[in-house]
N, C-alpha and C. Protein backbone atom coordinates (compact mmCIF):
# COMPACT_ATOMS: atom_id res chain seq x y z
N MET A 1 25.99 12.15 -21.10
CA MET A 1 24.17 11.84 -21.27
C MET A 1 24.19 13.13 -22.11
N LYS A 2 23.20 12.82 -22.93
CA LYS A 2 22.78 14.11 -24.10
C LYS A 2 21.52 14.39 -23.69
N ILE A 3 20.73 15.57 -23.59
CA ILE A 3 19.71 15.60 -23.78
C ILE A 3 19.46 17.18 -24.35
N GLU A 4 18.21 16.64 -25.52
CA GLU A 4 18.07 17.85 -26.25
C GLU A 4 16.51 18.23 -26.28
N ILE A 5 15.84 19.18 -25.74
CA ILE A 5 15.20 19.93 -25.31
C ILE A 5 14.29 20.99 -26.23
N VAL A 6 13.06 20.81 -26.89
CA VAL A 6 12.19 21.30 -27.86
C VAL A 6 11.24 21.62 -27.11
N GLY A 7 11.16 23.05 -27.13
CA GLY A 7 9.26 23.89 -26.55
C GLY A 7 9.95 24.21 -25.35
N GLY A 8 8.74 25.05 -24.87
CA GLY A 8 8.90 25.67 -23.17
C GLY A 8 9.18 26.90 -23.56
N THR A 9 9.42 28.02 -22.85
CA THR A 9 10.30 28.50 -22.72
C THR A 9 11.74 28.48 -22.29
N SER A 10 12.72 29.39 -23.08
CA SER A 10 13.84 29.66 -22.32
C SER A 10 13.72 29.01 -20.98
N GLU A 11 13.80 29.97 -20.38
CA GLU A 11 13.82 29.55 -18.55
C GLU A 11 13.48 27.86 -18.21
N GLN A 12 12.32 27.71 -18.69
CA GLN A 12 12.01 26.15 -18.43
C GLN A 12 13.07 25.40 -19.32
N GLN A 13 13.51 25.50 -20.79
CA GLN A 13 14.36 24.77 -20.83
C GLN A 13 15.67 24.42 -20.19
N GLU A 14 16.15 25.54 -19.43
CA GLU A 14 17.63 25.60 -18.68
C GLU A 14 17.27 24.83 -17.08
N LEU A 15 16.00 25.20 -16.94
CA LEU A 15 15.54 24.68 -15.54
C LEU A 15 14.96 22.86 -15.82
N CYS A 16 14.70 22.78 -16.97
CA CYS A 16 14.91 21.07 -16.72
C CYS A 16 15.84 20.37 -17.22
N LEU A 17 16.95 21.45 -17.71
CA LEU A 17 18.40 20.64 -18.22
C LEU A 17 18.70 20.59 -17.18
N ASP A 18 18.91 21.35 -16.63
CA ASP A 18 19.59 21.53 -14.81
C ASP A 18 19.14 20.03 -14.06
N PHE A 19 18.14 20.70 -13.63
CA PHE A 19 17.18 19.16 -13.17
C PHE A 19 17.63 17.96 -13.54
N ALA A 20 17.40 17.52 -14.96
CA ALA A 20 17.59 16.44 -15.45
C ALA A 20 19.04 16.15 -15.20
N ASP A 21 19.87 16.74 -15.31
CA ASP A 21 21.05 16.22 -15.18
C ASP A 21 21.56 16.13 -14.22
N TYR A 22 20.97 17.11 -12.95
CA TYR A 22 20.70 16.87 -10.73
C TYR A 22 20.35 14.69 -10.89
N ALA A 23 18.73 14.95 -11.39
CA ALA A 23 18.35 13.69 -11.14
C ALA A 23 18.86 12.43 -11.63
N LEU A 24 19.70 12.63 -13.02
CA LEU A 24 19.80 11.76 -13.54
C LEU A 24 21.08 10.68 -13.05
N HIS A 25 21.92 11.97 -12.85
CA HIS A 25 23.38 11.59 -11.96
C HIS A 25 22.86 10.48 -10.58
N SER A 26 21.81 11.66 -10.01
CA SER A 26 21.65 11.27 -8.93
C SER A 26 21.24 9.28 -9.39
N LEU A 27 20.22 9.67 -9.24
CA LEU A 27 19.09 7.89 -10.14
C LEU A 27 20.02 6.89 -10.10
N CYS A 28 20.90 7.36 -11.53
CA CYS A 28 21.59 6.10 -11.93
C CYS A 28 22.78 5.97 -11.89
N GLY A 29 23.55 7.09 -11.33
CA GLY A 29 25.25 7.05 -11.37
C GLY A 29 25.83 7.30 -12.84
N PRO A 30 27.22 7.54 -11.67
CA PRO A 30 27.75 7.72 -13.36
C PRO A 30 27.98 7.12 -14.57
N ARG A 31 28.05 6.04 -14.63
CA ARG A 31 28.62 4.72 -15.48
C ARG A 31 26.92 4.57 -16.51
N LEU A 32 25.78 4.41 -16.34
CA LEU A 32 24.83 4.65 -16.43
C LEU A 32 24.17 5.77 -17.49
N TYR A 33 24.39 6.95 -16.63
CA TYR A 33 24.45 8.35 -16.46
C TYR A 33 24.65 8.60 -18.01
N ARG A 34 26.31 8.20 -18.46
CA ARG A 34 27.18 8.90 -19.20
C ARG A 34 26.43 7.88 -20.63
N THR A 35 25.70 6.92 -20.45
CA THR A 35 25.21 6.36 -21.51
C THR A 35 23.66 6.50 -22.58
N LEU A 36 23.53 7.07 -21.23
CA LEU A 36 21.96 7.74 -21.81
C LEU A 36 21.54 9.00 -22.63
N GLU A 37 20.27 8.77 -23.74
CA GLU A 37 20.21 10.30 -24.21
C GLU A 37 18.64 10.44 -24.69
N ILE A 38 18.39 11.60 -23.94
CA ILE A 38 16.65 11.66 -24.27
C ILE A 38 16.38 13.34 -25.14
N GLU A 39 15.71 12.99 -25.33
CA GLU A 39 14.59 13.54 -25.94
C GLU A 39 13.32 13.94 -25.08
N MET A 40 13.46 15.48 -24.37
CA MET A 40 12.65 16.57 -24.24
C MET A 40 11.55 17.26 -24.56
N THR A 41 10.06 16.96 -24.40
CA THR A 41 9.11 17.51 -25.06
C THR A 41 8.41 19.22 -24.42
N ILE A 42 8.46 20.08 -23.90
CA ILE A 42 7.98 20.86 -22.82
C ILE A 42 7.06 21.63 -23.96
N SER A 43 5.33 20.74 -23.66
CA SER A 43 4.41 21.51 -24.56
C SER A 43 3.05 20.96 -23.72
N PRO A 44 2.32 22.22 -23.78
CA PRO A 44 1.07 22.29 -23.95
C PRO A 44 -0.02 21.02 -24.22
N ASP A 45 0.31 20.80 -25.02
CA ASP A 45 -0.76 19.25 -26.17
C ASP A 45 -0.81 18.26 -25.61
N ILE A 46 0.63 18.54 -24.51
CA ILE A 46 0.42 16.48 -24.62
C ILE A 46 -0.93 15.60 -24.35
N GLY A 47 -1.40 16.26 -23.53
CA GLY A 47 -3.00 15.67 -22.86
C GLY A 47 -2.66 15.07 -21.09
N HIS A 48 -1.65 15.29 -20.76
CA HIS A 48 -1.25 14.65 -19.66
C HIS A 48 -0.21 15.04 -18.77
N LEU A 49 0.27 14.67 -17.14
CA LEU A 49 1.54 15.87 -17.42
C LEU A 49 3.00 15.58 -17.67
N GLY A 50 2.35 14.22 -17.95
CA GLY A 50 4.42 14.15 -18.44
C GLY A 50 4.19 12.27 -18.57
N ASN A 51 5.17 11.82 -19.08
CA ASN A 51 5.55 11.42 -19.67
C ASN A 51 6.99 10.74 -20.45
N ALA A 52 6.82 9.45 -20.26
CA ALA A 52 8.13 8.59 -20.48
C ALA A 52 8.32 7.21 -21.94
N TYR A 53 9.03 7.81 -23.00
CA TYR A 53 8.97 6.60 -23.51
C TYR A 53 10.52 6.19 -24.16
N THR A 54 10.42 4.28 -24.43
CA THR A 54 11.85 4.39 -24.57
C THR A 54 11.12 4.04 -25.96
N VAL A 55 12.67 4.17 -27.00
CA VAL A 55 13.09 4.99 -28.06
C VAL A 55 13.49 3.45 -28.77
N ASP A 56 14.65 3.04 -27.75
CA ASP A 56 15.36 1.52 -28.53
C ASP A 56 15.43 0.68 -28.08
N GLY A 57 14.09 0.28 -27.96
CA GLY A 57 13.69 -1.55 -27.33
C GLY A 57 13.31 -1.24 -26.20
N ASP A 58 12.93 -2.58 -25.62
CA ASP A 58 12.97 -2.80 -24.04
C ASP A 58 13.14 -3.62 -23.30
N ARG A 59 15.41 -3.61 -23.49
CA ARG A 59 16.13 -4.17 -22.50
C ARG A 59 16.89 -3.31 -22.43
N TRP A 60 16.86 -2.95 -21.45
CA TRP A 60 18.00 -1.93 -21.06
C TRP A 60 18.17 -1.01 -22.21
N PRO A 61 17.10 -0.34 -22.47
CA PRO A 61 17.09 0.67 -22.94
C PRO A 61 18.01 2.21 -22.75
N LYS A 62 18.85 2.90 -24.13
CA LYS A 62 19.36 4.32 -23.33
C LYS A 62 19.02 5.27 -24.50
N TYR A 63 17.81 5.47 -24.87
CA TYR A 63 17.46 6.14 -25.69
C TYR A 63 16.23 6.34 -25.21
N PHE A 64 15.77 7.92 -25.17
CA PHE A 64 14.34 8.06 -24.44
C PHE A 64 13.51 9.64 -24.57
N GLU A 65 12.55 9.34 -25.05
CA GLU A 65 11.39 10.58 -25.13
C GLU A 65 10.74 10.83 -23.96
N VAL A 66 10.82 11.98 -23.46
CA VAL A 66 10.28 12.41 -21.86
C VAL A 66 9.25 13.53 -22.96
N GLU A 67 7.93 13.56 -22.53
CA GLU A 67 7.03 14.63 -22.22
C GLU A 67 6.50 15.29 -21.09
N ILE A 68 6.58 16.70 -20.70
CA ILE A 68 6.67 17.62 -19.87
C ILE A 68 5.52 18.42 -19.91
N GLU A 69 4.43 18.39 -19.56
CA GLU A 69 3.62 19.94 -19.53
C GLU A 69 4.23 21.38 -19.27
N GLU A 70 3.64 22.25 -20.15
CA GLU A 70 4.15 23.59 -20.43
C GLU A 70 3.63 24.32 -19.13
N ARG A 71 2.78 24.57 -18.76
CA ARG A 71 1.14 25.06 -18.34
C ARG A 71 1.75 24.91 -16.89
N LEU A 72 2.60 23.70 -16.34
CA LEU A 72 2.56 24.09 -15.19
C LEU A 72 3.85 25.04 -14.49
N GLN A 73 3.47 25.25 -13.32
CA GLN A 73 4.31 25.91 -12.64
C GLN A 73 6.03 25.37 -12.19
N LYS A 74 6.52 26.34 -11.76
CA LYS A 74 8.66 25.57 -12.02
C LYS A 74 8.09 24.16 -10.78
N ARG A 75 7.77 24.20 -9.68
CA ARG A 75 7.83 23.18 -8.46
C ARG A 75 7.13 22.43 -9.35
N PRO A 76 5.97 22.13 -9.56
CA PRO A 76 5.12 21.10 -9.88
C PRO A 76 5.70 20.56 -11.91
N GLN A 77 6.34 20.92 -12.21
CA GLN A 77 6.93 20.82 -13.69
C GLN A 77 8.29 20.02 -13.12
N LEU A 78 8.99 20.52 -12.40
CA LEU A 78 10.03 19.24 -12.14
C LEU A 78 9.93 18.52 -11.15
N GLN A 79 8.33 18.44 -10.77
CA GLN A 79 7.95 16.95 -10.00
C GLN A 79 7.94 15.76 -10.78
N VAL A 80 7.33 16.35 -11.67
CA VAL A 80 6.64 15.69 -13.19
C VAL A 80 7.67 15.14 -13.60
N LEU A 81 8.79 15.94 -13.85
CA LEU A 81 9.68 15.57 -14.66
C LEU A 81 10.65 14.57 -13.46
N ALA A 82 10.56 14.78 -12.31
CA ALA A 82 11.48 13.75 -11.65
C ALA A 82 10.67 12.73 -11.69
N HIS A 83 9.48 12.33 -12.12
CA HIS A 83 8.57 11.49 -11.68
C HIS A 83 8.74 10.04 -12.83
N GLU A 84 8.97 11.04 -13.89
CA GLU A 84 9.49 10.67 -15.24
C GLU A 84 10.93 10.20 -15.61
N LEU A 85 11.60 10.60 -15.09
CA LEU A 85 13.18 10.82 -14.81
C LEU A 85 13.47 9.21 -14.26
N VAL A 86 12.48 9.02 -12.95
CA VAL A 86 12.78 7.96 -13.09
C VAL A 86 12.03 6.83 -13.45
N HIS A 87 11.12 6.64 -13.93
CA HIS A 87 10.30 5.58 -15.30
C HIS A 87 11.63 5.59 -16.19
N VAL A 88 13.03 6.67 -16.45
CA VAL A 88 13.67 6.40 -17.41
C VAL A 88 14.80 5.47 -16.54
N LYS A 89 15.06 6.26 -15.57
CA LYS A 89 15.97 4.75 -14.76
C LYS A 89 16.12 3.26 -14.54
N GLN A 90 14.57 3.51 -14.03
CA GLN A 90 13.63 1.63 -14.38
C GLN A 90 13.89 0.98 -15.70
N TYR A 91 13.37 1.83 -16.00
CA TYR A 91 13.75 1.43 -17.76
C TYR A 91 15.51 1.03 -18.27
N ALA A 92 16.00 1.71 -18.04
CA ALA A 92 17.50 1.76 -18.31
C ALA A 92 17.93 0.67 -17.41
N LYS A 93 18.01 0.75 -16.46
CA LYS A 93 18.41 -0.04 -15.75
C LYS A 93 17.49 -1.44 -15.63
N GLY A 94 16.81 -1.83 -16.53
CA GLY A 94 16.18 -3.34 -16.41
C GLY A 94 15.15 -3.61 -15.98
N HIS A 95 14.31 -2.87 -14.61
CA HIS A 95 13.44 -3.20 -13.75
C HIS A 95 12.75 -3.12 -14.49
N LEU A 96 12.76 -2.13 -15.12
CA LEU A 96 10.86 -2.13 -15.92
C LEU A 96 10.77 -2.54 -17.34
N ARG A 97 9.49 -3.18 -17.73
CA ARG A 97 10.40 -3.11 -19.40
C ARG A 97 8.50 -3.43 -20.15
N GLN A 98 8.12 -2.88 -21.44
CA GLN A 98 7.05 -3.25 -21.71
C GLN A 98 7.54 -4.09 -22.80
N LEU A 99 6.38 -5.57 -22.40
CA LEU A 99 6.35 -6.33 -22.95
C LEU A 99 5.42 -6.65 -24.32
N GLN A 100 6.39 -7.17 -25.20
CA GLN A 100 6.00 -7.35 -26.64
C GLN A 100 4.84 -7.53 -26.83
N ARG A 101 3.05 -8.03 -26.59
CA ARG A 101 2.54 -8.91 -26.07
C ARG A 101 1.63 -7.77 -25.69
N GLY A 102 2.28 -7.04 -24.55
CA GLY A 102 0.93 -5.86 -23.97
C GLY A 102 1.65 -5.91 -22.01
N GLY A 103 0.87 -5.08 -21.63
CA GLY A 103 1.30 -5.12 -20.45
C GLY A 103 3.08 -4.71 -20.04
N TYR A 104 3.60 -5.14 -18.72
CA TYR A 104 5.21 -4.75 -18.09
C TYR A 104 5.37 -5.89 -17.56
N SER A 105 6.64 -6.34 -17.69
CA SER A 105 7.70 -6.83 -16.48
C SER A 105 7.95 -5.70 -15.71
N TRP A 106 8.27 -5.86 -14.26
CA TRP A 106 8.79 -5.34 -12.93
C TRP A 106 9.29 -6.09 -12.80
N LEU A 107 11.11 -5.79 -12.61
CA LEU A 107 11.80 -7.06 -12.18
C LEU A 107 11.85 -7.97 -12.25
N GLY A 108 10.73 -8.66 -13.14
CA GLY A 108 10.63 -9.76 -13.56
C GLY A 108 9.11 -10.56 -13.39
N ASP A 109 8.55 -9.86 -12.53
CA ASP A 109 7.09 -10.05 -12.29
C ASP A 109 6.22 -9.54 -13.65
N LYS A 110 5.33 -9.76 -13.76
CA LYS A 110 4.40 -10.04 -14.74
C LYS A 110 3.19 -9.02 -14.51
N TYR A 111 3.07 -7.71 -14.97
CA TYR A 111 1.45 -7.50 -15.08
C TYR A 111 1.30 -7.21 -16.14
N LYS A 112 -0.27 -7.14 -16.10
CA LYS A 112 -1.71 -6.98 -17.64
C LYS A 112 -1.24 -5.66 -17.60
N HIS A 113 -1.63 -5.76 -18.82
CA HIS A 113 -2.11 -3.81 -19.63
C HIS A 113 -3.77 -3.48 -18.77
N ILE A 114 -3.52 -2.57 -18.40
CA ILE A 114 -4.85 -1.98 -17.07
C ILE A 114 -5.70 -1.89 -17.81
N THR A 115 -7.01 -2.01 -17.20
CA THR A 115 -8.40 -1.72 -17.79
C THR A 115 -8.61 -0.19 -19.03
N PRO A 116 -8.82 -0.25 -19.58
CA PRO A 116 -9.23 1.86 -19.94
C PRO A 116 -10.50 2.39 -19.84
N ASP A 117 -11.22 1.76 -18.19
CA ASP A 117 -12.04 2.38 -17.26
C ASP A 117 -11.74 2.48 -16.41
N ARG A 118 -11.65 4.57 -16.86
CA ARG A 118 -11.30 6.03 -16.08
C ARG A 118 -10.69 5.10 -14.17
N GLU A 119 -11.89 4.88 -13.23
CA GLU A 119 -11.91 4.44 -11.94
C GLU A 119 -11.01 4.07 -11.51
N ILE A 120 -11.89 2.18 -12.86
CA ILE A 120 -10.42 1.38 -11.97
C ILE A 120 -9.13 1.56 -12.82
N TRP A 121 -8.90 2.22 -13.53
CA TRP A 121 -7.41 1.93 -14.23
C TRP A 121 -6.76 3.04 -13.10
N SER A 122 -6.93 3.99 -12.76
CA SER A 122 -6.64 5.02 -11.76
C SER A 122 -6.25 4.58 -10.30
N LYS A 123 -7.47 3.92 -9.81
CA LYS A 123 -6.90 2.71 -8.42
C LYS A 123 -5.53 1.79 -9.44
N GLU A 124 -6.27 1.08 -10.23
CA GLU A 124 -4.98 -0.22 -10.26
C GLU A 124 -3.27 0.45 -10.42
N TYR A 125 -3.64 1.79 -11.93
CA TYR A 125 -2.31 2.19 -11.74
C TYR A 125 -1.66 3.16 -10.98
N ASN A 126 -2.07 3.89 -9.64
CA ASN A 126 -1.42 3.88 -8.35
C ASN A 126 -0.97 3.13 -7.67
N ARG A 127 -0.89 1.71 -7.90
CA ARG A 127 -0.73 1.01 -7.13
C ARG A 127 0.17 0.05 -7.56
N LEU A 128 0.37 0.14 -8.96
CA LEU A 128 1.87 -0.78 -9.73
C LEU A 128 3.32 0.03 -8.98
N PRO A 129 3.67 -0.86 -8.57
CA PRO A 129 5.32 -0.70 -8.09
C PRO A 129 6.33 0.27 -8.70
N TRP A 130 6.26 0.51 -9.77
CA TRP A 130 6.80 1.79 -10.56
C TRP A 130 6.38 2.92 -10.47
N GLU A 131 5.14 2.90 -10.48
CA GLU A 131 4.48 4.01 -9.74
C GLU A 131 4.16 4.64 -9.00
N ILE A 132 4.51 3.62 -7.92
CA ILE A 132 5.26 3.90 -6.35
C ILE A 132 6.60 4.31 -5.92
N GLU A 133 7.45 3.63 -6.43
CA GLU A 133 9.06 4.02 -6.77
C GLU A 133 8.60 5.55 -7.21
N ALA A 134 7.65 6.49 -8.47
CA ALA A 134 8.81 7.07 -9.56
C ALA A 134 7.47 9.02 -8.47
N ARG A 135 6.64 8.08 -7.85
CA ARG A 135 5.96 9.34 -7.27
C ARG A 135 6.77 9.23 -5.79
N GLY A 136 7.33 8.94 -5.45
CA GLY A 136 8.10 8.15 -3.86
C GLY A 136 9.51 9.18 -3.93
N MET A 137 9.82 9.32 -5.15
CA MET A 137 10.96 10.17 -5.42
C MET A 137 10.50 11.38 -5.88
N GLU A 138 9.76 12.03 -6.28
CA GLU A 138 9.86 13.47 -7.33
C GLU A 138 9.89 14.68 -6.08
N GLU A 139 9.80 14.47 -4.55
CA GLU A 139 9.66 15.37 -3.69
C GLU A 139 11.48 15.61 -3.00
N VAL A 140 11.35 14.04 -2.68
CA VAL A 140 13.03 13.95 -2.83
C VAL A 140 14.49 14.42 -3.80
N LEU A 141 13.91 13.79 -5.26
CA LEU A 141 14.91 15.34 -6.11
C LEU A 141 14.13 16.49 -5.56
N PHE A 142 13.75 17.29 -6.29
CA PHE A 142 13.20 18.25 -6.58
C PHE A 142 13.75 18.83 -4.62
N VAL A 143 13.37 18.59 -3.81
CA VAL A 143 14.60 19.19 -2.38
C VAL A 143 15.06 18.80 -2.40
N GLU A 144 16.28 17.53 -2.72
CA GLU A 144 17.92 17.79 -3.04
C GLU A 144 18.14 18.26 -3.80
N TRP A 145 18.12 18.48 -5.08
CA TRP A 145 18.70 19.40 -6.28
C TRP A 145 18.01 21.06 -5.64
N CYS A 146 16.80 21.19 -4.83
CA CYS A 146 16.97 22.90 -4.59
C CYS A 146 17.84 23.06 -3.44
N GLU A 147 18.90 22.04 -2.89
CA GLU A 147 19.45 22.05 -1.25
C GLU A 147 20.97 22.13 -1.97
N ASP A 148 21.17 21.30 -3.22
CA ASP A 148 22.84 21.44 -3.94
C ASP A 148 23.00 22.94 -4.02
């Protein structure tokens, strides 16, 4: 696995690199882990807590961009990173795909793009199966990493 980190402090970069290495190895297993390449940005200007994007297409991608909010404290920052790395795993294993005509595919089931209305979006977004899985792993990965 290759991770490149830009932005943030040197301490944030070191922590995020160590955590990402642990989390992705745990989530993906050794074979998939070795094939992944991630460019991570730690910045106060991303407009949200974190995000993960595929760079090389929608079918079993191996190249990703991950963004993390710089102004978070250590624990919440690593939990946001855990959330985004779960999405990396979901994309890399082909479980989650962004469809060319909009919307997503999760384990073969199609989901429409969610309306931009903030209240409806938040409610629907939080019920998406890939978001449920990512939220469920935030604390688990952080605690396991701390205990390792």
